[in-house]
Amino acid sequence: MIWDESSRCREALSVLAGVSDWHLAETDWERLREVLGALRMAVADGDSHAVDVTARRLDWFDGSRGPVRLGTVPRTPPPQDVLERIGELVHSLSAELSGGVVADADEGGVAPRSSADADHA
């Protein structure tokens, strides 16, 4: 599937690329895990509307990185599991934007023909 609304997908990729610089409270990391799970499901289901709605929720976390005031809940860098989930999502979203992953010919899929193959056909 190719995303009809690729601009939102690109925006989600842009936000996800910056997560490694975020410092959030643990409760916010928990909420982000939920959003990442919902986004992963939306991508897997090919539901562009759900991707759009869920990706908009990422904006909230991006804006929550403001200055830390004395007496506030401590903020930490992203936990390893969050970074791994983001890596998987970036891979999935990037594959969708580029037209999807082509199945390997050895596994019964059809490999794309290169221009060199077309010249010899």
N, C-alpha and C. Protein backbone atom coordinates (compact mmCIF):
# COMPACT_ATOMS: atom_id res chain seq x y z
N MET A 1 0.83 -1.17 0.00
CA MET A 1 0.00 0.00 0.00
C MET A 1 0.88 1.24 0.00
N ILE A 2 0.48 2.24 -0.73
CA ILE A 2 1.16 3.52 -0.74
C ILE A 2 0.25 4.51 -0.04
N TRP A 3 0.78 5.30 0.87
CA TRP A 3 -0.03 6.25 1.63
C TRP A 3 -0.57 7.34 0.73
N ASP A 4 -1.88 7.57 0.81
CA ASP A 4 -2.49 8.68 0.11
C ASP A 4 -2.10 9.99 0.77
N GLU A 5 -1.91 9.97 2.06
CA GLU A 5 -1.62 11.16 2.82
C GLU A 5 -0.17 11.10 3.30
N SER A 6 0.75 11.16 2.36
CA SER A 6 2.15 10.99 2.71
C SER A 6 2.71 12.13 3.53
N SER A 7 2.11 13.31 3.47
CA SER A 7 2.66 14.43 4.25
C SER A 7 2.56 14.14 5.75
N ARG A 8 1.46 13.55 6.22
CA ARG A 8 1.32 13.22 7.65
C ARG A 8 2.32 12.13 8.02
N CYS A 9 2.51 11.19 7.12
CA CYS A 9 3.47 10.11 7.36
C CYS A 9 4.88 10.71 7.49
N ARG A 10 5.21 11.62 6.61
CA ARG A 10 6.53 12.27 6.66
C ARG A 10 6.67 13.09 7.95
N GLU A 11 5.61 13.74 8.36
CA GLU A 11 5.64 14.51 9.60
C GLU A 11 5.86 13.58 10.79
N ALA A 12 5.19 12.44 10.80
CA ALA A 12 5.38 11.46 11.88
C ALA A 12 6.83 10.99 11.90
N LEU A 13 7.40 10.73 10.73
CA LEU A 13 8.80 10.32 10.67
C LEU A 13 9.72 11.40 11.22
N SER A 14 9.39 12.65 10.92
CA SER A 14 10.20 13.76 11.40
C SER A 14 10.15 13.84 12.93
N VAL A 15 8.96 13.71 13.49
CA VAL A 15 8.82 13.75 14.95
C VAL A 15 9.54 12.55 15.57
N LEU A 16 9.36 11.37 15.00
CA LEU A 16 10.00 10.18 15.55
C LEU A 16 11.52 10.29 15.51
N ALA A 17 12.05 10.95 14.51
CA ALA A 17 13.50 11.10 14.38
C ALA A 17 14.07 11.93 15.53
N GLY A 18 13.26 12.79 16.13
CA GLY A 18 13.75 13.64 17.21
C GLY A 18 13.58 13.08 18.60
N VAL A 19 12.93 11.94 18.73
CA VAL A 19 12.62 11.39 20.06
C VAL A 19 13.87 11.10 20.88
N SER A 20 14.95 10.74 20.23
CA SER A 20 16.16 10.41 20.98
C SER A 20 16.69 11.61 21.77
N ASP A 21 16.27 12.82 21.42
CA ASP A 21 16.68 14.02 22.14
C ASP A 21 15.71 14.42 23.26
N TRP A 22 14.58 13.74 23.34
CA TRP A 22 13.56 14.11 24.32
C TRP A 22 13.96 13.66 25.72
N HIS A 23 13.47 14.40 26.69
CA HIS A 23 13.56 14.04 28.10
C HIS A 23 12.16 14.21 28.67
N LEU A 24 11.53 13.09 29.02
CA LEU A 24 10.15 13.10 29.49
C LEU A 24 10.06 12.45 30.86
N ALA A 25 8.97 12.73 31.55
CA ALA A 25 8.66 12.04 32.80
C ALA A 25 8.28 10.60 32.45
N GLU A 26 8.47 9.70 33.38
CA GLU A 26 8.15 8.28 33.13
C GLU A 26 6.70 8.08 32.71
N THR A 27 5.78 8.84 33.29
CA THR A 27 4.37 8.71 32.90
C THR A 27 4.17 9.09 31.43
N ASP A 28 4.94 10.08 30.97
CA ASP A 28 4.85 10.46 29.56
C ASP A 28 5.45 9.39 28.65
N TRP A 29 6.53 8.75 29.09
CA TRP A 29 7.09 7.64 28.30
C TRP A 29 6.06 6.51 28.19
N GLU A 30 5.32 6.25 29.28
CA GLU A 30 4.27 5.22 29.24
C GLU A 30 3.19 5.60 28.23
N ARG A 31 2.77 6.85 28.26
CA ARG A 31 1.76 7.31 27.29
C ARG A 31 2.28 7.22 25.86
N LEU A 32 3.54 7.57 25.68
CA LEU A 32 4.12 7.49 24.34
C LEU A 32 4.17 6.04 23.86
N ARG A 33 4.46 5.11 24.76
CA ARG A 33 4.45 3.69 24.38
C ARG A 33 3.08 3.30 23.82
N GLU A 34 2.03 3.78 24.47
CA GLU A 34 0.66 3.48 24.00
C GLU A 34 0.42 4.07 22.61
N VAL A 35 0.85 5.30 22.41
CA VAL A 35 0.68 5.93 21.10
C VAL A 35 1.49 5.19 20.04
N LEU A 36 2.71 4.80 20.36
CA LEU A 36 3.53 4.05 19.41
C LEU A 36 2.88 2.72 19.06
N GLY A 37 2.27 2.06 20.04
CA GLY A 37 1.56 0.80 19.77
C GLY A 37 0.38 1.01 18.84
N ALA A 38 -0.37 2.09 19.08
CA ALA A 38 -1.51 2.39 18.21
C ALA A 38 -1.05 2.74 16.80
N LEU A 39 0.05 3.48 16.71
CA LEU A 39 0.58 3.83 15.39
C LEU A 39 1.08 2.60 14.65
N ARG A 40 1.73 1.71 15.37
CA ARG A 40 2.21 0.45 14.77
C ARG A 40 1.04 -0.35 14.21
N MET A 41 -0.05 -0.44 14.98
CA MET A 41 -1.24 -1.18 14.52
C MET A 41 -1.86 -0.51 13.29
N ALA A 42 -1.92 0.82 13.30
CA ALA A 42 -2.50 1.55 12.16
C ALA A 42 -1.68 1.31 10.90
N VAL A 43 -0.37 1.33 11.03
CA VAL A 43 0.50 1.08 9.88
C VAL A 43 0.33 -0.35 9.39
N ALA A 44 0.32 -1.31 10.32
CA ALA A 44 0.17 -2.72 9.95
C ALA A 44 -1.17 -2.98 9.27
N ASP A 45 -2.22 -2.27 9.72
CA ASP A 45 -3.55 -2.44 9.13
C ASP A 45 -3.72 -1.66 7.83
N GLY A 46 -2.76 -0.78 7.52
CA GLY A 46 -2.88 0.03 6.32
C GLY A 46 -3.98 1.08 6.42
N ASP A 47 -4.28 1.50 7.63
CA ASP A 47 -5.36 2.45 7.88
C ASP A 47 -4.79 3.87 7.91
N SER A 48 -4.83 4.56 6.78
CA SER A 48 -4.21 5.88 6.69
C SER A 48 -4.89 6.90 7.60
N HIS A 49 -6.21 6.76 7.81
CA HIS A 49 -6.90 7.68 8.72
C HIS A 49 -6.40 7.49 10.15
N ALA A 50 -6.26 6.24 10.58
CA ALA A 50 -5.77 5.97 11.94
C ALA A 50 -4.32 6.42 12.08
N VAL A 51 -3.52 6.27 11.02
CA VAL A 51 -2.14 6.76 11.07
C VAL A 51 -2.16 8.27 11.27
N ASP A 52 -3.02 8.95 10.53
CA ASP A 52 -3.13 10.40 10.64
C ASP A 52 -3.51 10.83 12.05
N VAL A 53 -4.57 10.23 12.59
CA VAL A 53 -5.05 10.59 13.93
C VAL A 53 -3.99 10.29 14.99
N THR A 54 -3.38 9.12 14.90
CA THR A 54 -2.39 8.71 15.89
C THR A 54 -1.12 9.55 15.78
N ALA A 55 -0.70 9.83 14.57
CA ALA A 55 0.51 10.64 14.39
C ALA A 55 0.34 12.04 14.97
N ARG A 56 -0.87 12.56 14.92
CA ARG A 56 -1.13 13.88 15.52
C ARG A 56 -0.89 13.86 17.03
N ARG A 57 -1.11 12.71 17.63
CA ARG A 57 -0.89 12.59 19.08
C ARG A 57 0.60 12.71 19.43
N LEU A 58 1.48 12.41 18.48
CA LEU A 58 2.91 12.54 18.73
C LEU A 58 3.31 13.99 18.99
N ASP A 59 2.57 14.91 18.37
CA ASP A 59 2.90 16.33 18.52
C ASP A 59 2.84 16.77 19.98
N TRP A 60 1.94 16.20 20.75
CA TRP A 60 1.84 16.56 22.16
C TRP A 60 3.14 16.27 22.89
N PHE A 61 3.72 15.13 22.62
CA PHE A 61 4.95 14.75 23.30
C PHE A 61 6.11 15.63 22.88
N ASP A 62 6.14 16.00 21.62
CA ASP A 62 7.20 16.87 21.12
C ASP A 62 7.17 18.21 21.83
N GLY A 63 5.99 18.72 22.15
CA GLY A 63 5.86 20.00 22.83
C GLY A 63 6.08 19.93 24.32
N SER A 64 6.21 18.72 24.88
CA SER A 64 6.34 18.58 26.33
C SER A 64 7.79 18.56 26.78
N ARG A 65 8.68 19.01 25.92
CA ARG A 65 10.10 18.96 26.25
C ARG A 65 10.63 20.29 26.77
N GLY A 66 9.76 21.14 27.25
CA GLY A 66 10.16 22.46 27.71
C GLY A 66 11.11 22.42 28.89
N PRO A 67 11.46 23.60 29.42
CA PRO A 67 12.41 23.65 30.54
C PRO A 67 11.85 22.98 31.79
N VAL A 68 12.73 22.41 32.56
CA VAL A 68 12.36 21.72 33.79
C VAL A 68 12.43 22.73 34.93
N ARG A 69 11.38 22.81 35.71
CA ARG A 69 11.34 23.71 36.87
C ARG A 69 11.66 22.92 38.13
N LEU A 70 12.20 23.61 39.10
CA LEU A 70 12.48 22.96 40.38
C LEU A 70 11.19 22.39 40.97
N GLY A 71 11.28 21.21 41.53
CA GLY A 71 10.12 20.59 42.16
C GLY A 71 9.24 19.80 41.20
N THR A 72 9.62 19.70 39.94
CA THR A 72 8.81 18.94 38.99
C THR A 72 9.29 17.50 38.93
N VAL A 73 8.49 16.68 38.30
CA VAL A 73 8.82 15.26 38.14
C VAL A 73 10.08 15.15 37.27
N PRO A 74 11.03 14.30 37.67
CA PRO A 74 12.26 14.16 36.88
C PRO A 74 11.97 13.65 35.47
N ARG A 75 12.72 14.15 34.53
CA ARG A 75 12.61 13.72 33.14
C ARG A 75 13.85 12.93 32.77
N THR A 76 13.64 11.90 31.98
CA THR A 76 14.74 11.02 31.58
C THR A 76 14.78 10.91 30.06
N PRO A 77 15.95 10.52 29.53
CA PRO A 77 16.02 10.26 28.09
C PRO A 77 15.19 9.03 27.75
N PRO A 78 14.98 8.78 26.46
CA PRO A 78 14.12 7.65 26.08
C PRO A 78 14.67 6.30 26.52
N PRO A 79 13.79 5.46 27.09
CA PRO A 79 14.20 4.10 27.43
C PRO A 79 14.51 3.29 26.16
N GLN A 80 15.31 2.27 26.32
CA GLN A 80 15.73 1.46 25.17
C GLN A 80 14.55 0.86 24.41
N ASP A 81 13.51 0.39 25.12
CA ASP A 81 12.38 -0.22 24.43
C ASP A 81 11.64 0.80 23.56
N VAL A 82 11.60 2.06 23.99
CA VAL A 82 10.96 3.10 23.19
C VAL A 82 11.78 3.34 21.92
N LEU A 83 13.09 3.40 22.06
CA LEU A 83 13.95 3.60 20.89
C LEU A 83 13.80 2.45 19.90
N GLU A 84 13.67 1.22 20.41
CA GLU A 84 13.49 0.07 19.53
C GLU A 84 12.16 0.15 18.79
N ARG A 85 11.09 0.51 19.50
CA ARG A 85 9.77 0.65 18.86
C ARG A 85 9.80 1.73 17.79
N ILE A 86 10.48 2.81 18.09
CA ILE A 86 10.58 3.90 17.12
C ILE A 86 11.35 3.45 15.89
N GLY A 87 12.43 2.71 16.10
CA GLY A 87 13.20 2.18 14.96
C GLY A 87 12.34 1.31 14.07
N GLU A 88 11.51 0.47 14.66
CA GLU A 88 10.61 -0.39 13.88
C GLU A 88 9.58 0.44 13.11
N LEU A 89 9.03 1.45 13.78
CA LEU A 89 8.05 2.31 13.13
C LEU A 89 8.66 3.11 11.98
N VAL A 90 9.84 3.65 12.20
CA VAL A 90 10.52 4.40 11.14
C VAL A 90 10.74 3.50 9.93
N HIS A 91 11.15 2.27 10.18
CA HIS A 91 11.36 1.31 9.09
C HIS A 91 10.04 1.04 8.35
N SER A 92 8.96 0.80 9.10
CA SER A 92 7.66 0.51 8.48
C SER A 92 7.12 1.70 7.70
N LEU A 93 7.18 2.88 8.31
CA LEU A 93 6.66 4.08 7.64
C LEU A 93 7.48 4.41 6.40
N SER A 94 8.79 4.26 6.49
CA SER A 94 9.66 4.52 5.34
C SER A 94 9.37 3.55 4.21
N ALA A 95 9.15 2.29 4.55
CA ALA A 95 8.82 1.28 3.53
C ALA A 95 7.50 1.62 2.86
N GLU A 96 6.51 2.06 3.63
CA GLU A 96 5.22 2.42 3.06
C GLU A 96 5.34 3.62 2.13
N LEU A 97 6.13 4.59 2.52
CA LEU A 97 6.29 5.79 1.70
C LEU A 97 7.00 5.48 0.39
N SER A 98 7.86 4.47 0.41
CA SER A 98 8.60 4.13 -0.80
C SER A 98 7.87 3.08 -1.64
N GLY A 99 6.63 2.81 -1.30
CA GLY A 99 5.86 1.86 -2.10
C GLY A 99 5.76 0.49 -1.50
N GLY A 100 6.23 0.31 -0.30
CA GLY A 100 6.11 -0.97 0.38
C GLY A 100 7.30 -1.87 0.13
N VAL A 101 7.35 -2.90 0.91
CA VAL A 101 8.43 -3.87 0.81
C VAL A 101 8.05 -4.92 -0.21
N VAL A 102 8.94 -5.21 -1.13
CA VAL A 102 8.68 -6.22 -2.15
C VAL A 102 9.10 -7.57 -1.61
N ALA A 103 8.25 -8.55 -1.75
CA ALA A 103 8.56 -9.90 -1.27
C ALA A 103 9.73 -10.47 -2.04
N ASP A 104 10.53 -11.25 -1.36
CA ASP A 104 11.68 -11.89 -1.98
C ASP A 104 11.21 -12.92 -2.99
N ALA A 105 11.84 -12.95 -4.16
CA ALA A 105 11.45 -13.87 -5.23
C ALA A 105 11.58 -15.33 -4.79
N ASP A 106 12.57 -15.63 -3.91
CA ASP A 106 12.76 -17.00 -3.43
C ASP A 106 11.62 -17.45 -2.53
N GLU A 107 10.85 -16.50 -1.99
CA GLU A 107 9.75 -16.84 -1.10
C GLU A 107 8.41 -16.76 -1.82
N GLY A 108 8.44 -16.83 -3.15
CA GLY A 108 7.20 -16.83 -3.90
C GLY A 108 6.73 -15.45 -4.31
N GLY A 109 7.49 -14.42 -3.93
CA GLY A 109 7.13 -13.06 -4.31
C GLY A 109 7.64 -12.74 -5.70
N VAL A 110 7.32 -11.59 -6.16
CA VAL A 110 7.79 -11.14 -7.47
C VAL A 110 8.79 -10.03 -7.24
N ALA A 111 10.01 -10.26 -7.68
CA ALA A 111 11.04 -9.24 -7.54
C ALA A 111 10.89 -8.22 -8.65
N PRO A 112 11.13 -6.94 -8.37
CA PRO A 112 11.01 -5.93 -9.41
C PRO A 112 12.08 -6.12 -10.47
N ARG A 113 11.73 -5.78 -11.69
CA ARG A 113 12.68 -5.87 -12.78
C ARG A 113 13.50 -4.60 -12.82
N SER A 114 14.78 -4.75 -13.03
CA SER A 114 15.63 -3.58 -13.16
C SER A 114 15.60 -3.12 -14.61
N SER A 115 16.09 -1.92 -14.87
CA SER A 115 16.11 -1.42 -16.24
C SER A 115 17.02 -2.26 -17.11
N ALA A 116 18.07 -2.85 -16.52
CA ALA A 116 18.95 -3.73 -17.27
C ALA A 116 18.21 -4.98 -17.73
N ASP A 117 17.33 -5.51 -16.86
CA ASP A 117 16.53 -6.67 -17.23
C ASP A 117 15.60 -6.33 -18.38
N ALA A 118 15.03 -5.14 -18.34
CA ALA A 118 14.10 -4.73 -19.38
C ALA A 118 14.79 -4.60 -20.73
N ASP A 119 16.07 -4.19 -20.72
CA ASP A 119 16.82 -4.06 -21.98
C ASP A 119 17.08 -5.40 -22.63
N HIS A 120 17.14 -6.46 -21.82
CA HIS A 120 17.42 -7.79 -22.33
C HIS A 120 16.18 -8.60 -22.60
N ALA A 121 15.03 -8.07 -22.30
CA ALA A 121 13.76 -8.81 -22.45
C ALA A 121 13.32 -8.83 -23.89
